[in-house]
Amino acid sequence: MVTANFQRLRKQVCESEISSAEFIAGLKLLPDFSDDLLRALGEELQQQHWSCLFRLIFAVQAFPNRKFTPVLSELLDNHKNRGYSENIADALFDIRDERSVPALTRALDYYEPGDDDRNFNKKVIYALGRIGTTEAIEGLRLATHNSDEQIRIAAEAELMKLKSH
């Protein structure tokens, strides 16, 4: 039953029959659909249906779960240029899974076209700070040596925040 209802909602959101907000509202009415969402993310990635994948990532943000970490890390490592990197960073911030640290650290140097304020990079920094493991803190330390001043300042501020706790 969950799978059929999930698949109906998935089809509707991917074909733009409903908005992402309506998709999320529909998901709230279902029992645990996280495995269905995980399968859908993998299928859409494999088929390179980027616009549908983008809409599904909104659901991951709304329903964060550690089971999504591997696919989000894969997207961050290999598909940053698809326009949803900030959404992935937001989801990884909420998921708070140490397995995402390598992908987050590698993403620190990525420039999101049009993101002159480095919002994407700052979200990556905040996600690393929230995870707070030794490896995450090392990623923040690396960012303090970044060639971009905004990234350096944000990383230094996040490290200071961690030290004060």
N, C-alpha and C. Protein backbone atom coordinates (compact mmCIF):
# COMPACT_ATOMS: atom_id res chain seq x y z
N MET A 1 0.82 -1.20 0.00
CA MET A 1 0.00 0.00 0.00
C MET A 1 0.86 1.25 0.00
N VAL A 2 1.89 1.27 0.88
CA VAL A 2 2.76 2.43 0.91
C VAL A 2 3.41 2.63 -0.45
N THR A 3 3.93 1.54 -1.01
CA THR A 3 4.64 1.65 -2.27
C THR A 3 3.73 2.21 -3.36
N ALA A 4 2.51 1.72 -3.46
CA ALA A 4 1.58 2.22 -4.49
C ALA A 4 1.28 3.69 -4.29
N ASN A 5 1.00 4.10 -3.06
CA ASN A 5 0.72 5.51 -2.79
C ASN A 5 1.95 6.36 -3.01
N PHE A 6 3.10 5.85 -2.60
CA PHE A 6 4.35 6.59 -2.83
C PHE A 6 4.59 6.76 -4.33
N GLN A 7 4.44 5.67 -5.07
CA GLN A 7 4.70 5.72 -6.52
C GLN A 7 3.75 6.70 -7.22
N ARG A 8 2.51 6.75 -6.77
CA ARG A 8 1.55 7.70 -7.34
C ARG A 8 2.02 9.13 -7.10
N LEU A 9 2.41 9.42 -5.86
CA LEU A 9 2.91 10.77 -5.52
C LEU A 9 4.19 11.09 -6.28
N ARG A 10 5.07 10.10 -6.36
CA ARG A 10 6.34 10.29 -7.09
C ARG A 10 6.07 10.65 -8.55
N LYS A 11 5.18 9.90 -9.19
CA LYS A 11 4.85 10.18 -10.59
C LYS A 11 4.28 11.59 -10.72
N GLN A 12 3.39 11.96 -9.81
CA GLN A 12 2.78 13.28 -9.89
C GLN A 12 3.80 14.40 -9.74
N VAL A 13 4.71 14.27 -8.77
CA VAL A 13 5.68 15.34 -8.56
C VAL A 13 6.71 15.36 -9.69
N CYS A 14 7.10 14.20 -10.18
CA CYS A 14 8.11 14.16 -11.25
C CYS A 14 7.56 14.67 -12.58
N GLU A 15 6.25 14.54 -12.76
CA GLU A 15 5.63 15.05 -13.99
C GLU A 15 5.04 16.44 -13.79
N SER A 16 5.41 17.08 -12.67
CA SER A 16 4.98 18.44 -12.33
C SER A 16 3.47 18.59 -12.26
N GLU A 17 2.76 17.51 -11.92
CA GLU A 17 1.32 17.58 -11.71
C GLU A 17 1.01 18.16 -10.33
N ILE A 18 1.95 17.98 -9.40
CA ILE A 18 1.83 18.56 -8.06
C ILE A 18 3.15 19.24 -7.73
N SER A 19 3.11 20.17 -6.80
CA SER A 19 4.32 20.87 -6.38
C SER A 19 5.11 20.02 -5.39
N SER A 20 6.32 20.41 -5.12
CA SER A 20 7.12 19.72 -4.11
C SER A 20 6.44 19.80 -2.74
N ALA A 21 5.82 20.93 -2.44
CA ALA A 21 5.12 21.09 -1.16
C ALA A 21 3.93 20.12 -1.07
N GLU A 22 3.21 19.96 -2.17
CA GLU A 22 2.09 19.01 -2.19
C GLU A 22 2.60 17.57 -2.06
N PHE A 23 3.73 17.28 -2.68
CA PHE A 23 4.36 15.96 -2.58
C PHE A 23 4.70 15.66 -1.12
N ILE A 24 5.34 16.62 -0.46
CA ILE A 24 5.72 16.43 0.94
C ILE A 24 4.47 16.28 1.82
N ALA A 25 3.45 17.07 1.54
CA ALA A 25 2.20 16.95 2.31
C ALA A 25 1.59 15.56 2.13
N GLY A 26 1.64 15.04 0.93
CA GLY A 26 1.13 13.69 0.67
C GLY A 26 1.96 12.63 1.37
N LEU A 27 3.27 12.82 1.40
CA LEU A 27 4.14 11.86 2.08
C LEU A 27 3.85 11.81 3.58
N LYS A 28 3.50 12.94 4.15
CA LYS A 28 3.21 12.99 5.59
C LYS A 28 2.05 12.08 5.97
N LEU A 29 1.21 11.76 5.02
CA LEU A 29 0.05 10.91 5.28
C LEU A 29 0.39 9.42 5.19
N LEU A 30 1.60 9.11 4.71
CA LEU A 30 2.00 7.71 4.53
C LEU A 30 2.77 7.21 5.75
N PRO A 31 2.68 5.90 6.02
CA PRO A 31 3.60 5.33 7.02
C PRO A 31 5.01 5.35 6.43
N ASP A 32 5.95 4.77 7.10
CA ASP A 32 7.36 4.87 6.70
C ASP A 32 7.56 4.54 5.22
N PHE A 33 7.95 5.54 4.47
CA PHE A 33 8.17 5.42 3.02
C PHE A 33 9.65 5.62 2.69
N SER A 34 10.51 5.65 3.69
CA SER A 34 11.92 6.01 3.45
C SER A 34 12.61 5.05 2.49
N ASP A 35 12.30 3.75 2.54
CA ASP A 35 12.91 2.81 1.60
C ASP A 35 12.44 3.09 0.17
N ASP A 36 11.16 3.44 0.03
CA ASP A 36 10.64 3.80 -1.29
C ASP A 36 11.34 5.05 -1.83
N LEU A 37 11.53 6.02 -0.98
CA LEU A 37 12.21 7.25 -1.39
C LEU A 37 13.66 6.97 -1.75
N LEU A 38 14.31 6.14 -0.98
CA LEU A 38 15.70 5.78 -1.28
C LEU A 38 15.79 5.08 -2.64
N ARG A 39 14.90 4.14 -2.90
CA ARG A 39 14.89 3.46 -4.21
C ARG A 39 14.63 4.46 -5.33
N ALA A 40 13.69 5.37 -5.11
CA ALA A 40 13.35 6.37 -6.12
C ALA A 40 14.55 7.26 -6.43
N LEU A 41 15.27 7.68 -5.41
CA LEU A 41 16.46 8.50 -5.63
C LEU A 41 17.46 7.76 -6.50
N GLY A 42 17.71 6.50 -6.17
CA GLY A 42 18.65 5.69 -6.94
C GLY A 42 18.21 5.52 -8.39
N GLU A 43 16.93 5.26 -8.59
CA GLU A 43 16.41 5.08 -9.95
C GLU A 43 16.52 6.36 -10.76
N GLU A 44 16.13 7.47 -10.16
CA GLU A 44 16.19 8.74 -10.88
C GLU A 44 17.62 9.15 -11.18
N LEU A 45 18.53 8.85 -10.27
CA LEU A 45 19.95 9.12 -10.52
C LEU A 45 20.46 8.26 -11.67
N GLN A 46 20.14 6.98 -11.63
CA GLN A 46 20.59 6.07 -12.68
C GLN A 46 20.05 6.50 -14.05
N GLN A 47 18.80 6.95 -14.08
CA GLN A 47 18.18 7.37 -15.34
C GLN A 47 18.51 8.82 -15.69
N GLN A 48 19.22 9.49 -14.81
CA GLN A 48 19.61 10.88 -14.99
C GLN A 48 18.41 11.80 -15.22
N HIS A 49 17.36 11.57 -14.45
CA HIS A 49 16.19 12.45 -14.46
C HIS A 49 16.43 13.53 -13.40
N TRP A 50 17.19 14.53 -13.79
CA TRP A 50 17.67 15.52 -12.83
C TRP A 50 16.56 16.34 -12.20
N SER A 51 15.55 16.72 -12.99
CA SER A 51 14.50 17.56 -12.42
C SER A 51 13.68 16.77 -11.39
N CYS A 52 13.42 15.52 -11.65
CA CYS A 52 12.70 14.69 -10.68
C CYS A 52 13.56 14.47 -9.44
N LEU A 53 14.83 14.21 -9.65
CA LEU A 53 15.75 14.00 -8.53
C LEU A 53 15.76 15.24 -7.63
N PHE A 54 15.77 16.40 -8.25
CA PHE A 54 15.75 17.66 -7.50
C PHE A 54 14.51 17.72 -6.60
N ARG A 55 13.37 17.33 -7.13
CA ARG A 55 12.13 17.36 -6.35
C ARG A 55 12.16 16.33 -5.22
N LEU A 56 12.76 15.18 -5.48
CA LEU A 56 12.85 14.15 -4.44
C LEU A 56 13.78 14.58 -3.31
N ILE A 57 14.79 15.37 -3.64
CA ILE A 57 15.72 15.85 -2.61
C ILE A 57 14.98 16.75 -1.61
N PHE A 58 13.96 17.47 -2.07
CA PHE A 58 13.15 18.26 -1.13
C PHE A 58 12.51 17.35 -0.09
N ALA A 59 12.09 16.17 -0.51
CA ALA A 59 11.49 15.22 0.44
C ALA A 59 12.54 14.72 1.43
N VAL A 60 13.76 14.52 0.96
CA VAL A 60 14.84 14.10 1.87
C VAL A 60 15.06 15.19 2.92
N GLN A 61 15.03 16.44 2.49
CA GLN A 61 15.18 17.55 3.44
C GLN A 61 14.05 17.55 4.46
N ALA A 62 12.85 17.24 4.02
CA ALA A 62 11.69 17.26 4.91
C ALA A 62 11.67 16.06 5.86
N PHE A 63 12.27 14.96 5.42
CA PHE A 63 12.27 13.72 6.21
C PHE A 63 13.70 13.16 6.29
N PRO A 64 14.60 13.87 6.96
CA PRO A 64 16.01 13.44 6.98
C PRO A 64 16.18 12.07 7.64
N ASN A 65 17.05 11.28 7.05
CA ASN A 65 17.31 9.93 7.55
C ASN A 65 18.71 9.53 7.10
N ARG A 66 19.43 8.89 7.99
CA ARG A 66 20.81 8.48 7.67
C ARG A 66 20.89 7.55 6.46
N LYS A 67 19.83 6.86 6.14
CA LYS A 67 19.88 5.94 5.00
C LYS A 67 20.09 6.69 3.68
N PHE A 68 19.83 8.00 3.67
CA PHE A 68 20.01 8.79 2.45
C PHE A 68 21.45 9.29 2.26
N THR A 69 22.28 9.16 3.28
CA THR A 69 23.64 9.69 3.23
C THR A 69 24.43 9.21 2.01
N PRO A 70 24.46 7.90 1.72
CA PRO A 70 25.28 7.47 0.57
C PRO A 70 24.86 8.10 -0.76
N VAL A 71 23.57 8.18 -1.05
CA VAL A 71 23.15 8.76 -2.32
C VAL A 71 23.39 10.27 -2.34
N LEU A 72 23.18 10.95 -1.22
CA LEU A 72 23.46 12.39 -1.18
C LEU A 72 24.96 12.65 -1.34
N SER A 73 25.78 11.83 -0.73
CA SER A 73 27.24 11.98 -0.88
C SER A 73 27.66 11.74 -2.32
N GLU A 74 27.06 10.74 -2.95
CA GLU A 74 27.33 10.45 -4.36
C GLU A 74 26.97 11.66 -5.23
N LEU A 75 25.82 12.25 -4.98
CA LEU A 75 25.40 13.43 -5.74
C LEU A 75 26.35 14.60 -5.50
N LEU A 76 26.76 14.78 -4.27
CA LEU A 76 27.66 15.88 -3.94
C LEU A 76 29.03 15.67 -4.60
N ASP A 77 29.49 14.44 -4.62
CA ASP A 77 30.79 14.15 -5.23
C ASP A 77 30.78 14.22 -6.75
N ASN A 78 29.70 13.78 -7.37
CA ASN A 78 29.74 13.58 -8.82
C ASN A 78 28.73 14.37 -9.64
N HIS A 79 27.83 15.09 -8.98
CA HIS A 79 26.79 15.80 -9.73
C HIS A 79 26.50 17.18 -9.13
N LYS A 80 27.53 17.84 -8.64
CA LYS A 80 27.34 19.15 -8.00
C LYS A 80 26.78 20.19 -8.97
N ASN A 81 27.06 20.03 -10.22
CA ASN A 81 26.69 21.05 -11.21
C ASN A 81 25.23 20.96 -11.64
N ARG A 82 24.43 20.17 -10.96
CA ARG A 82 23.02 20.00 -11.34
C ARG A 82 22.09 21.02 -10.69
N GLY A 83 22.62 21.86 -9.80
CA GLY A 83 21.82 22.96 -9.26
C GLY A 83 21.11 22.68 -7.95
N TYR A 84 21.39 21.56 -7.31
CA TYR A 84 20.72 21.29 -6.04
C TYR A 84 21.71 21.02 -4.92
N SER A 85 22.93 21.49 -5.07
CA SER A 85 23.95 21.24 -4.06
C SER A 85 23.60 21.85 -2.71
N GLU A 86 23.01 23.05 -2.72
CA GLU A 86 22.62 23.67 -1.45
C GLU A 86 21.58 22.82 -0.73
N ASN A 87 20.65 22.26 -1.48
CA ASN A 87 19.63 21.40 -0.88
C ASN A 87 20.26 20.15 -0.27
N ILE A 88 21.26 19.61 -0.94
CA ILE A 88 21.96 18.44 -0.41
C ILE A 88 22.70 18.82 0.86
N ALA A 89 23.37 19.96 0.86
CA ALA A 89 24.08 20.40 2.06
C ALA A 89 23.10 20.61 3.22
N ASP A 90 21.94 21.18 2.93
CA ASP A 90 20.91 21.35 3.96
C ASP A 90 20.47 20.00 4.52
N ALA A 91 20.23 19.04 3.63
CA ALA A 91 19.79 17.71 4.07
C ALA A 91 20.87 17.04 4.91
N LEU A 92 22.12 17.15 4.49
CA LEU A 92 23.21 16.52 5.24
C LEU A 92 23.41 17.21 6.60
N PHE A 93 23.13 18.50 6.67
CA PHE A 93 23.16 19.21 7.95
C PHE A 93 22.15 18.57 8.90
N ASP A 94 20.94 18.34 8.40
CA ASP A 94 19.88 17.77 9.24
C ASP A 94 20.14 16.30 9.57
N ILE A 95 20.71 15.56 8.63
CA ILE A 95 20.95 14.13 8.85
C ILE A 95 22.08 13.91 9.85
N ARG A 96 23.10 14.74 9.77
CA ARG A 96 24.20 14.73 10.75
C ARG A 96 24.90 13.37 10.82
N ASP A 97 25.28 12.86 9.65
CA ASP A 97 25.89 11.54 9.55
C ASP A 97 27.37 11.69 9.21
N GLU A 98 28.21 11.13 10.05
CA GLU A 98 29.66 11.24 9.86
C GLU A 98 30.12 10.62 8.54
N ARG A 99 29.33 9.74 7.96
CA ARG A 99 29.71 9.15 6.66
C ARG A 99 29.72 10.19 5.53
N SER A 100 29.07 11.33 5.74
CA SER A 100 29.04 12.37 4.71
C SER A 100 30.25 13.29 4.76
N VAL A 101 31.06 13.18 5.80
CA VAL A 101 32.18 14.11 5.98
C VAL A 101 33.14 14.13 4.79
N PRO A 102 33.57 12.98 4.24
CA PRO A 102 34.49 13.06 3.09
C PRO A 102 33.90 13.84 1.91
N ALA A 103 32.63 13.59 1.58
CA ALA A 103 32.01 14.31 0.45
C ALA A 103 31.87 15.79 0.78
N LEU A 104 31.47 16.09 2.00
CA LEU A 104 31.35 17.50 2.39
C LEU A 104 32.70 18.20 2.32
N THR A 105 33.73 17.56 2.79
CA THR A 105 35.07 18.16 2.77
C THR A 105 35.52 18.39 1.32
N ARG A 106 35.28 17.42 0.46
CA ARG A 106 35.66 17.60 -0.95
C ARG A 106 34.86 18.72 -1.61
N ALA A 107 33.66 18.97 -1.13
CA ALA A 107 32.80 20.00 -1.72
C ALA A 107 33.18 21.42 -1.30
N LEU A 108 34.04 21.55 -0.32
CA LEU A 108 34.38 22.88 0.18
C LEU A 108 34.95 23.80 -0.90
N ASP A 109 35.67 23.26 -1.85
CA ASP A 109 36.30 24.07 -2.89
C ASP A 109 35.38 24.34 -4.08
N TYR A 110 34.21 23.72 -4.11
CA TYR A 110 33.33 23.86 -5.25
C TYR A 110 32.68 25.23 -5.27
N TYR A 111 32.69 25.85 -6.43
CA TYR A 111 32.00 27.12 -6.62
C TYR A 111 30.69 26.86 -7.34
N GLU A 112 29.59 27.14 -6.67
CA GLU A 112 28.25 27.01 -7.25
C GLU A 112 28.04 28.25 -8.13
N PRO A 113 27.86 28.08 -9.44
CA PRO A 113 27.69 29.24 -10.33
C PRO A 113 26.60 30.20 -9.82
N GLY A 114 26.98 31.47 -9.74
CA GLY A 114 26.07 32.50 -9.27
C GLY A 114 26.04 32.69 -7.76
N ASP A 115 26.76 31.85 -7.05
CA ASP A 115 26.76 31.90 -5.58
C ASP A 115 27.95 32.72 -5.09
N ASP A 116 27.92 34.00 -5.38
CA ASP A 116 29.05 34.85 -5.02
C ASP A 116 29.20 35.05 -3.51
N ASP A 117 28.14 34.79 -2.75
CA ASP A 117 28.22 34.89 -1.29
C ASP A 117 28.66 33.57 -0.65
N ARG A 118 28.89 32.57 -1.49
CA ARG A 118 29.36 31.25 -1.03
C ARG A 118 28.38 30.59 -0.04
N ASN A 119 27.09 30.78 -0.28
CA ASN A 119 26.09 30.15 0.59
C ASN A 119 26.21 28.64 0.62
N PHE A 120 26.47 28.04 -0.55
CA PHE A 120 26.64 26.59 -0.60
C PHE A 120 27.81 26.18 0.30
N ASN A 121 28.94 26.84 0.13
CA ASN A 121 30.14 26.48 0.90
C ASN A 121 29.90 26.68 2.40
N LYS A 122 29.19 27.73 2.74
CA LYS A 122 28.89 27.99 4.16
C LYS A 122 27.99 26.89 4.71
N LYS A 123 27.03 26.43 3.92
CA LYS A 123 26.17 25.34 4.38
C LYS A 123 26.98 24.06 4.59
N VAL A 124 27.95 23.83 3.73
CA VAL A 124 28.84 22.68 3.90
C VAL A 124 29.61 22.82 5.21
N ILE A 125 30.10 24.01 5.46
CA ILE A 125 30.84 24.28 6.70
C ILE A 125 29.94 24.05 7.92
N TYR A 126 28.71 24.53 7.87
CA TYR A 126 27.79 24.34 9.00
C TYR A 126 27.47 22.86 9.20
N ALA A 127 27.35 22.12 8.10
CA ALA A 127 27.08 20.68 8.21
C ALA A 127 28.26 19.98 8.87
N LEU A 128 29.47 20.34 8.48
CA LEU A 128 30.66 19.75 9.11
C LEU A 128 30.71 20.10 10.59
N GLY A 129 30.41 21.35 10.91
CA GLY A 129 30.41 21.76 12.31
C GLY A 129 29.36 21.01 13.12
N ARG A 130 28.22 20.80 12.54
CA ARG A 130 27.15 20.09 13.26
C ARG A 130 27.52 18.62 13.48
N ILE A 131 28.19 18.02 12.51
CA ILE A 131 28.61 16.63 12.66
C ILE A 131 29.66 16.54 13.77
N GLY A 132 30.64 17.45 13.72
CA GLY A 132 31.56 17.65 14.83
C GLY A 132 32.56 16.55 15.16
N THR A 133 32.68 15.54 14.32
CA THR A 133 33.67 14.49 14.58
C THR A 133 35.07 15.03 14.32
N THR A 134 36.06 14.27 14.71
CA THR A 134 37.45 14.67 14.46
C THR A 134 37.69 14.91 12.98
N GLU A 135 37.16 14.02 12.14
CA GLU A 135 37.32 14.16 10.69
C GLU A 135 36.61 15.41 10.18
N ALA A 136 35.44 15.71 10.72
CA ALA A 136 34.70 16.92 10.31
C ALA A 136 35.46 18.18 10.71
N ILE A 137 36.02 18.17 11.90
CA ILE A 137 36.79 19.32 12.38
C ILE A 137 38.05 19.49 11.52
N GLU A 138 38.65 18.39 11.11
CA GLU A 138 39.81 18.47 10.21
C GLU A 138 39.40 19.10 8.88
N GLY A 139 38.21 18.77 8.39
CA GLY A 139 37.71 19.40 7.17
C GLY A 139 37.55 20.90 7.35
N LEU A 140 37.06 21.31 8.51
CA LEU A 140 36.94 22.74 8.81
C LEU A 140 38.31 23.41 8.86
N ARG A 141 39.26 22.72 9.45
CA ARG A 141 40.63 23.28 9.50
C ARG A 141 41.20 23.46 8.10
N LEU A 142 40.96 22.48 7.24
CA LEU A 142 41.40 22.62 5.85
C LEU A 142 40.76 23.85 5.20
N ALA A 143 39.50 24.08 5.50
CA ALA A 143 38.79 25.22 4.92
C ALA A 143 39.34 26.55 5.38
N THR A 144 40.02 26.58 6.54
CA THR A 144 40.61 27.84 7.00
C THR A 144 41.80 28.25 6.13
N HIS A 145 42.24 27.36 5.26
CA HIS A 145 43.34 27.66 4.33
C HIS A 145 42.84 27.80 2.89
N ASN A 146 41.52 27.85 2.71
CA ASN A 146 40.94 27.97 1.38
C ASN A 146 41.36 29.29 0.74
N SER A 147 41.46 29.30 -0.57
CA SER A 147 41.84 30.53 -1.27
C SER A 147 40.75 31.59 -1.23
N ASP A 148 39.51 31.18 -0.97
CA ASP A 148 38.40 32.14 -0.91
C ASP A 148 38.24 32.66 0.52
N GLU A 149 38.29 33.96 0.66
CA GLU A 149 38.22 34.59 1.98
C GLU A 149 36.91 34.27 2.71
N GLN A 150 35.80 34.27 2.00
CA GLN A 150 34.51 34.01 2.65
C GLN A 150 34.47 32.60 3.25
N ILE A 151 35.04 31.65 2.55
CA ILE A 151 35.08 30.27 3.05
C ILE A 151 36.00 30.20 4.27
N ARG A 152 37.14 30.85 4.19
CA ARG A 152 38.08 30.86 5.33
C ARG A 152 37.42 31.44 6.57
N ILE A 153 36.78 32.58 6.42
CA ILE A 153 36.15 33.27 7.56
C ILE A 153 35.03 32.41 8.16
N ALA A 154 34.20 31.81 7.30
CA ALA A 154 33.10 30.97 7.80
C ALA A 154 33.65 29.75 8.54
N ALA A 155 34.72 29.15 8.02
CA ALA A 155 35.31 27.98 8.67
C ALA A 155 35.93 28.37 10.02
N GLU A 156 36.60 29.49 10.05
CA GLU A 156 37.19 29.95 11.32
C GLU A 156 36.10 30.22 12.35
N ALA A 157 35.02 30.84 11.93
CA ALA A 157 33.91 31.14 12.84
C ALA A 157 33.28 29.84 13.36
N GLU A 158 33.13 28.86 12.49
CA GLU A 158 32.54 27.58 12.91
C GLU A 158 33.46 26.87 13.90
N LEU A 159 34.75 26.92 13.66
CA LEU A 159 35.70 26.31 14.60
C LEU A 159 35.64 27.01 15.95
N MET A 160 35.54 28.33 15.93
CA MET A 160 35.44 29.07 17.20
C MET A 160 34.16 28.69 17.94
N LYS A 161 33.09 28.56 17.21
CA LYS A 161 31.82 28.17 17.81
C LYS A 161 31.93 26.79 18.48
N LEU A 162 32.61 25.88 17.81
CA LEU A 162 32.79 24.53 18.37
C LEU A 162 33.66 24.56 19.64
N LYS A 163 34.65 25.41 19.62
CA LYS A 163 35.54 25.50 20.79
C LYS A 163 34.82 26.07 22.01
N SER A 164 33.83 26.93 21.76
CA SER A 164 33.12 27.57 22.88
C SER A 164 32.07 26.64 23.51
N HIS A 165 31.81 25.51 22.87
CA HIS A 165 30.80 24.58 23.42
C HIS A 165 31.42 23.53 24.27
